[in-house]
Amino acid sequence: MTYIGSLDNTTIVRPVTFYINGFYNIPHAKYYYIFLCFVYTVTVLGNSFVMGVILLARVLHTAKYVAVFHLAFSDVCGSSAVIPKYVLMFLFDNQFISYEDCLANMFFVFFFMTLQSLTLLALAYDRLVAICFPLRYHAIVTKTSMTVIIGVIWVIGMTIFTVLVGLVTRLSFCRSTTVDSYFCDHGPVTRLACNDISMNYIVAHVGVTTILYIPLLLIIVSYICIGFALLRISHGANRIKALKTCTSHLILVAMFYLPIVSVYITAIVTYINPNTRIMNSVLTQTIPPMLNPIIYTLKTNEILQSVKVLYRRAKLIFAKEGHTISNAMK
């Protein structure tokens, strides 16, 4: 333990390390960690592919794809904050984490979850303007305005979780240092403290409301408005075409919010077995980032067309280089 004096002459007791408990006696758990390695590999490759296509294809240099690029970036970083540390920790039985690394882990996991959630809200705003105000879309949703929105998202995430983690540094840990979770989760860590944690819980509830409940509510409201706008479209074919532009986003929203919100609500109203809670939480944080690029690639015609154009361009370049090399060898 380390002892640090505070401003009110009390002593803050900080552990040198925390012990991340993880699963309770689950047989063959190593196969689960190997599966997560596969999930992480697909996540990195898939999202890197989407980011690369957006960077290389000029036709995708639009406000919408600024947000899509940011979502892919957030997915890679969010998975990197959870999976590598988690897998290495439990696969090699090294479940101790230093106090400083624990706080950093807590910050980055929640920060990138915030980026993912609020970026989905930004994409809902893009669809709302595109369908409800189509004639003004390019004047309202510009690359500059979307960049500003993403900047605000970063400020919100930084502010909330800097405060959240900062409040943890004011806590004394004079009892157990075993964290009943798979990472340095805020709730399991703060429950180990000996002093008052009421302010920590208030900020935590504000954070959950800000990054989950309010964005989900606003997305639902935006799609209600989109639904009314679609009803005003007289031609059925145009209505279906407009609706298709929303399907990818709706699938991403359902995959991201429904599992996380379900876990939070279930944990409030009833008891969840720790192993079940940990497995559900890990999968809800890691599976959507893996599937997001697959959904956007297969469901979004603009990306598919851009991939075909880039493939033909690369094929042409390789053909020219091969021809040049063959001529040089003659």
Protein backbone atom coordinates (compact mmCIF):
# COMPACT_ATOMS: atom_id res chain seq x y z
CA MET A 1 0.00 0.00 0.00
CA THR A 2 1.05 3.61 -0.58
CA TYR A 3 -0.07 6.42 1.70
CA ILE A 4 -0.67 9.94 0.42
CA GLY A 5 -1.68 12.92 2.51
CA SER A 6 -4.67 14.93 1.25
CA LEU A 7 -5.69 18.55 1.70
CA ASP A 8 -7.99 17.89 4.66
CA ASN A 9 -5.21 16.15 6.65
CA THR A 10 -6.66 12.69 6.07
CA THR A 11 -4.64 9.91 4.52
CA ILE A 12 -5.43 8.40 1.13
CA VAL A 13 -4.47 4.75 0.92
CA ARG A 14 -3.66 3.56 -2.58
CA PRO A 15 -2.76 -0.04 -3.45
CA VAL A 16 0.33 -0.74 -5.50
CA THR A 17 -1.68 -3.16 -7.66
CA PHE A 18 -5.23 -4.41 -8.18
CA TYR A 19 -6.10 -8.04 -8.87
CA ILE A 20 -8.54 -8.51 -11.77
CA ASN A 21 -10.66 -11.50 -10.80
CA GLY A 22 -12.28 -12.32 -14.14
CA PHE A 23 -14.20 -15.60 -14.47
CA TYR A 24 -15.01 -17.85 -11.54
CA ASN A 25 -13.91 -21.44 -12.21
CA ILE A 26 -15.02 -21.73 -15.83
CA PRO A 27 -13.50 -24.82 -17.51
CA HIS A 28 -11.79 -24.37 -20.88
CA ALA A 29 -11.86 -20.55 -20.53
CA LYS A 30 -8.68 -20.34 -22.64
CA TYR A 31 -10.71 -21.23 -25.73
CA TYR A 32 -12.82 -18.15 -25.04
CA TYR A 33 -9.70 -15.96 -24.91
CA ILE A 34 -8.45 -17.47 -28.18
CA PHE A 35 -11.84 -16.64 -29.72
CA LEU A 36 -11.39 -13.03 -28.56
CA CYS A 37 -7.99 -12.96 -30.31
CA PHE A 38 -9.80 -13.90 -33.52
CA VAL A 39 -12.43 -11.19 -32.87
CA TYR A 40 -9.71 -8.60 -32.32
CA THR A 41 -7.84 -9.57 -35.50
CA VAL A 42 -11.00 -9.31 -37.62
CA THR A 43 -11.89 -6.00 -35.93
CA VAL A 44 -8.51 -4.42 -36.68
CA LEU A 45 -8.33 -5.72 -40.25
CA GLY A 46 -11.95 -4.89 -41.09
CA ASN A 47 -11.97 -1.38 -39.67
CA SER A 48 -8.52 -0.62 -41.10
CA PHE A 49 -9.85 -1.71 -44.50
CA VAL A 50 -12.84 0.67 -44.19
CA MET A 51 -10.58 3.55 -43.09
CA GLY A 52 -8.19 2.84 -45.96
CA VAL A 53 -11.01 2.82 -48.54
CA ILE A 54 -12.38 6.12 -47.20
CA LEU A 55 -8.93 7.72 -47.32
CA LEU A 56 -8.13 6.52 -50.84
CA ALA A 57 -11.52 7.02 -52.53
CA ARG A 58 -12.14 10.73 -53.22
CA VAL A 59 -15.86 10.11 -53.72
CA LEU A 60 -16.06 9.16 -50.01
CA HIS A 61 -14.50 12.43 -48.83
CA THR A 62 -17.88 13.65 -47.55
CA ALA A 63 -19.32 14.61 -44.17
CA LYS A 64 -21.05 11.24 -43.72
CA TYR A 65 -17.83 9.31 -44.26
CA VAL A 66 -15.93 11.58 -41.89
CA ALA A 67 -18.25 10.13 -39.24
CA VAL A 68 -17.94 6.57 -40.62
CA PHE A 69 -14.12 6.88 -40.56
CA HIS A 70 -14.31 8.11 -36.96
CA LEU A 71 -16.56 5.19 -35.99
CA ALA A 72 -14.07 2.72 -37.49
CA PHE A 73 -11.21 4.45 -35.66
CA SER A 74 -13.19 4.33 -32.38
CA ASP A 75 -13.95 0.63 -32.91
CA VAL A 76 -10.26 -0.23 -33.34
CA CYS A 77 -9.21 1.83 -30.31
CA GLY A 78 -12.11 0.56 -28.16
CA SER A 79 -11.28 -3.07 -28.90
CA SER A 80 -7.57 -2.36 -28.31
CA ALA A 81 -8.41 -0.93 -24.89
CA VAL A 82 -10.23 -4.14 -23.90
CA ILE A 83 -9.04 -7.28 -25.70
CA PRO A 84 -5.19 -7.34 -25.74
CA LYS A 85 -4.80 -6.55 -22.03
CA TYR A 86 -7.69 -8.86 -21.12
CA VAL A 87 -6.39 -11.81 -23.15
CA LEU A 88 -2.76 -11.45 -22.02
CA MET A 89 -3.86 -11.08 -18.42
CA PHE A 90 -5.94 -14.26 -18.24
CA LEU A 91 -4.30 -16.42 -20.88
CA PHE A 92 -0.93 -16.13 -19.10
CA ASP A 93 -2.28 -15.94 -15.51
CA ASN A 94 -0.93 -12.45 -14.88
CA GLN A 95 -3.98 -10.80 -13.33
CA PHE A 96 -2.26 -8.05 -11.37
CA ILE A 97 -2.39 -4.50 -12.73
CA SER A 98 -0.72 -1.44 -11.24
CA TYR A 99 -2.83 1.35 -9.73
CA GLU A 100 -1.86 3.81 -12.49
CA ASP A 101 -2.47 1.30 -15.30
CA CYS A 102 -5.82 0.44 -13.76
CA LEU A 103 -6.99 4.07 -13.89
CA ALA A 104 -5.68 4.46 -17.44
CA ASN A 105 -7.51 1.27 -18.47
CA MET A 106 -10.72 2.57 -16.90
CA PHE A 107 -10.45 5.90 -18.72
CA PHE A 108 -9.73 4.53 -22.19
CA VAL A 109 -12.35 1.77 -22.15
CA PHE A 110 -15.13 4.24 -21.26
CA PHE A 111 -13.74 7.05 -23.41
CA PHE A 112 -13.75 5.01 -26.61
CA MET A 113 -17.19 3.63 -25.76
CA THR A 114 -18.30 7.27 -25.62
CA LEU A 115 -16.81 7.96 -29.05
CA GLN A 116 -18.62 4.93 -30.50
CA SER A 117 -21.97 5.89 -28.99
CA LEU A 118 -21.92 9.58 -29.88
CA THR A 119 -20.60 8.87 -33.40
CA LEU A 120 -23.69 6.71 -33.99
CA LEU A 121 -25.72 9.73 -32.87
CA ALA A 122 -23.82 11.92 -35.36
CA LEU A 123 -24.65 9.44 -38.14
CA ALA A 124 -28.32 9.56 -37.08
CA TYR A 125 -28.18 13.36 -37.43
CA ASP A 126 -26.71 12.91 -40.92
CA ARG A 127 -29.60 10.60 -41.95
CA LEU A 128 -32.18 12.91 -40.35
CA VAL A 129 -31.04 15.93 -42.37
CA ALA A 130 -30.58 13.88 -45.57
CA ILE A 131 -34.17 12.57 -45.52
CA CYS A 132 -36.10 15.36 -43.82
CA PHE A 133 -34.26 18.29 -45.47
CA PRO A 134 -32.77 16.82 -48.68
CA LEU A 135 -32.50 20.14 -50.53
CA ARG A 136 -30.51 21.72 -47.69
CA TYR A 137 -28.44 18.63 -46.81
CA HIS A 138 -25.17 19.73 -48.45
CA ALA A 139 -25.45 23.20 -46.90
CA ILE A 140 -26.15 21.89 -43.38
CA VAL A 141 -24.04 18.73 -43.15
CA THR A 142 -20.59 19.70 -44.36
CA LYS A 143 -17.17 18.20 -43.64
CA THR A 144 -16.45 21.20 -41.42
CA SER A 145 -19.65 20.84 -39.40
CA MET A 146 -19.12 17.08 -38.98
CA THR A 147 -15.52 17.66 -37.87
CA VAL A 148 -16.78 20.16 -35.28
CA ILE A 149 -19.36 17.61 -34.06
CA ILE A 150 -16.63 14.98 -33.68
CA GLY A 151 -14.46 17.51 -31.83
CA VAL A 152 -17.35 18.16 -29.41
CA ILE A 153 -17.71 14.38 -28.93
CA TRP A 154 -14.04 14.18 -27.90
CA VAL A 155 -14.45 17.09 -25.47
CA ILE A 156 -17.53 15.48 -23.88
CA GLY A 157 -15.78 12.13 -23.48
CA MET A 158 -12.56 13.66 -22.15
CA THR A 159 -14.42 15.86 -19.65
CA ILE A 160 -16.74 13.20 -18.20
CA PHE A 161 -14.13 10.49 -17.77
CA THR A 162 -11.33 12.75 -16.62
CA VAL A 163 -13.66 13.79 -13.79
CA LEU A 164 -14.75 10.18 -13.21
CA VAL A 165 -11.21 8.82 -12.98
CA GLY A 166 -10.04 11.90 -11.06
CA LEU A 167 -12.62 11.17 -8.34
CA VAL A 168 -11.25 7.61 -8.00
CA THR A 169 -7.84 9.06 -7.05
CA ARG A 170 -9.50 10.58 -3.94
CA LEU A 171 -10.58 7.16 -2.67
CA SER A 172 -8.76 5.03 -0.07
CA PHE A 173 -8.51 1.29 -0.60
CA CYS A 174 -7.90 -0.26 2.81
CA ARG A 175 -9.77 -3.54 2.29
CA SER A 176 -9.68 -5.94 -0.66
CA THR A 177 -7.95 -5.03 -3.92
CA THR A 178 -9.67 -7.77 -5.95
CA VAL A 179 -11.75 -6.28 -8.77
CA ASP A 180 -14.74 -8.49 -9.66
CA SER A 181 -14.65 -7.73 -13.37
CA TYR A 182 -12.57 -8.34 -16.51
CA PHE A 183 -11.01 -4.85 -16.53
CA CYS A 184 -10.74 -1.92 -14.14
CA ASP A 185 -14.47 -1.27 -14.25
CA HIS A 186 -15.60 1.82 -12.35
CA GLY A 187 -18.30 0.17 -10.21
CA PRO A 188 -16.28 -2.86 -9.00
CA VAL A 189 -13.25 -0.63 -8.28
CA THR A 190 -15.10 2.06 -6.33
CA ARG A 191 -16.96 -0.54 -4.26
CA LEU A 192 -13.56 -1.55 -2.83
CA ALA A 193 -13.05 1.93 -1.32
CA CYS A 194 -13.34 2.61 2.40
CA ASN A 195 -14.53 6.22 2.24
CA ASP A 196 -17.63 7.92 0.78
CA ILE A 197 -18.26 7.05 -2.89
CA SER A 198 -21.55 8.92 -3.37
CA MET A 199 -19.99 11.55 -5.68
CA ASN A 200 -18.38 8.79 -7.76
CA TYR A 201 -21.77 7.17 -8.28
CA ILE A 202 -23.43 10.46 -9.18
CA VAL A 203 -20.80 11.17 -11.87
CA ALA A 204 -21.01 7.54 -13.07
CA HIS A 205 -24.79 7.82 -13.51
CA VAL A 206 -24.37 11.14 -15.31
CA GLY A 207 -21.80 9.49 -17.58
CA VAL A 208 -24.00 6.47 -18.40
CA THR A 209 -26.97 8.76 -19.08
CA THR A 210 -24.86 11.04 -21.30
CA ILE A 211 -23.15 8.34 -23.35
CA LEU A 212 -25.93 5.73 -23.57
CA TYR A 213 -29.47 6.74 -22.65
CA ILE A 214 -29.61 10.27 -24.11
CA PRO A 215 -27.97 9.32 -27.45
CA LEU A 216 -30.26 6.28 -27.78
CA LEU A 217 -33.32 8.45 -27.03
CA LEU A 218 -32.23 11.07 -29.57
CA ILE A 219 -31.61 8.39 -32.21
CA ILE A 220 -35.12 6.98 -31.61
CA VAL A 221 -36.61 10.48 -31.93
CA SER A 222 -34.62 11.09 -35.13
CA TYR A 223 -35.99 7.89 -36.69
CA ILE A 224 -39.54 8.79 -35.68
CA CYS A 225 -39.04 12.06 -37.59
CA ILE A 226 -37.54 10.11 -40.51
CA GLY A 227 -40.56 7.77 -40.45
CA PHE A 228 -42.99 10.71 -40.75
CA ALA A 229 -40.86 12.18 -43.56
CA LEU A 230 -40.93 8.85 -45.43
CA LEU A 231 -44.72 8.70 -45.14
CA ARG A 232 -44.93 12.02 -46.97
CA ILE A 233 -43.03 10.59 -49.95
CA SER A 234 -45.76 9.67 -52.42
CA HIS A 235 -43.75 7.33 -54.67
CA GLY A 236 -43.15 3.92 -53.05
CA ALA A 237 -39.87 3.31 -54.87
CA ASN A 238 -38.40 6.58 -53.59
CA ARG A 239 -39.55 5.71 -50.07
CA ILE A 240 -37.79 2.32 -50.20
CA LYS A 241 -34.64 3.92 -51.65
CA ALA A 242 -34.55 6.48 -48.82
CA LEU A 243 -35.16 3.78 -46.23
CA LYS A 244 -32.29 1.66 -47.58
CA THR A 245 -29.86 4.48 -46.79
CA CYS A 246 -30.76 4.01 -43.09
CA THR A 247 -30.59 0.22 -42.80
CA SER A 248 -26.84 -0.03 -42.12
CA HIS A 249 -27.03 2.61 -39.42
CA LEU A 250 -30.10 1.02 -37.80
CA ILE A 251 -28.30 -2.35 -37.61
CA LEU A 252 -25.24 -0.70 -36.00
CA VAL A 253 -27.45 1.10 -33.47
CA ALA A 254 -29.28 -2.11 -32.54
CA MET A 255 -26.01 -4.07 -32.18
CA PHE A 256 -24.34 -1.42 -30.03
CA TYR A 257 -27.11 -0.16 -27.74
CA LEU A 258 -29.44 -3.10 -27.14
CA PRO A 259 -26.88 -5.48 -25.53
CA ILE A 260 -25.21 -2.76 -23.41
CA VAL A 261 -28.47 -1.17 -22.22
CA SER A 262 -29.91 -4.64 -21.52
CA VAL A 263 -26.91 -5.53 -19.35
CA TYR A 264 -27.14 -2.24 -17.40
CA ILE A 265 -30.90 -2.54 -16.83
CA THR A 266 -30.73 -6.23 -15.89
CA ALA A 267 -27.93 -5.51 -13.40
CA ILE A 268 -30.14 -2.86 -11.75
CA VAL A 269 -33.34 -4.92 -11.45
CA THR A 270 -31.97 -8.38 -10.67
CA TYR A 271 -28.89 -10.40 -9.74
CA ILE A 272 -26.64 -11.55 -12.57
CA ASN A 273 -24.14 -14.36 -12.14
CA PRO A 274 -20.65 -12.75 -12.28
CA ASN A 275 -19.50 -15.08 -15.06
CA THR A 276 -22.61 -14.32 -17.14
CA ARG A 277 -22.20 -10.59 -16.57
CA ILE A 278 -18.52 -10.64 -17.55
CA MET A 279 -19.11 -12.73 -20.70
CA ASN A 280 -22.06 -10.56 -21.81
CA SER A 281 -20.13 -7.34 -21.16
CA VAL A 282 -17.04 -8.49 -23.06
CA LEU A 283 -19.07 -9.64 -26.06
CA THR A 284 -21.18 -6.46 -26.16
CA GLN A 285 -17.99 -4.41 -26.23
CA THR A 286 -16.12 -6.51 -28.81
CA ILE A 287 -18.60 -8.07 -31.28
CA PRO A 288 -20.19 -4.84 -32.65
CA PRO A 289 -16.79 -3.30 -33.59
CA MET A 290 -15.97 -6.53 -35.46
CA LEU A 291 -19.28 -6.54 -37.38
CA ASN A 292 -19.51 -2.80 -38.11
CA PRO A 293 -17.11 -2.79 -41.10
CA ILE A 294 -18.71 -5.94 -42.53
CA ILE A 295 -22.16 -4.34 -42.38
CA TYR A 296 -20.98 -1.06 -43.88
CA THR A 297 -19.06 -2.82 -46.65
CA LEU A 298 -21.91 -5.15 -47.63
CA LYS A 299 -24.83 -2.76 -47.06
CA THR A 300 -23.44 0.53 -48.36
CA ASN A 301 -23.36 0.77 -52.14
CA GLU A 302 -20.96 3.76 -52.13
CA ILE A 303 -18.27 1.77 -50.32
CA LEU A 304 -18.78 -1.29 -52.52
CA GLN A 305 -18.43 0.82 -55.66
CA SER A 306 -15.33 2.56 -54.23
CA VAL A 307 -13.75 -0.82 -53.43
CA LYS A 308 -14.34 -1.93 -57.05
CA VAL A 309 -12.83 1.30 -58.41
CA LEU A 310 -9.78 1.01 -56.13
CA TYR A 311 -9.35 -2.65 -57.11
CA ARG A 312 -9.43 -1.82 -60.83
CA ARG A 313 -7.00 1.06 -60.26
CA ALA A 314 -4.58 -1.17 -58.32
CA LYS A 315 -4.86 -3.88 -60.97
CA LEU A 316 -4.06 -1.35 -63.69
CA ILE A 317 -1.06 0.01 -61.77
CA PHE A 318 0.35 -3.50 -61.20
CA ALA A 319 -0.19 -4.33 -64.88
CA LYS A 320 1.71 -1.20 -65.94
CA GLU A 321 4.55 -1.92 -63.49
CA GLY A 322 4.76 -5.50 -64.74
CA HIS A 323 4.88 -4.30 -68.34
CA THR A 324 7.61 -1.76 -67.48
CA ILE A 325 9.70 -4.41 -65.71
CA SER A 326 9.36 -6.85 -68.61
CA ASN A 327 10.46 -4.17 -71.10
CA ALA A 328 13.44 -3.29 -68.92
CA MET A 329 14.53 -6.91 -68.82
CA LYS A 330 14.53 -7.23 -72.63
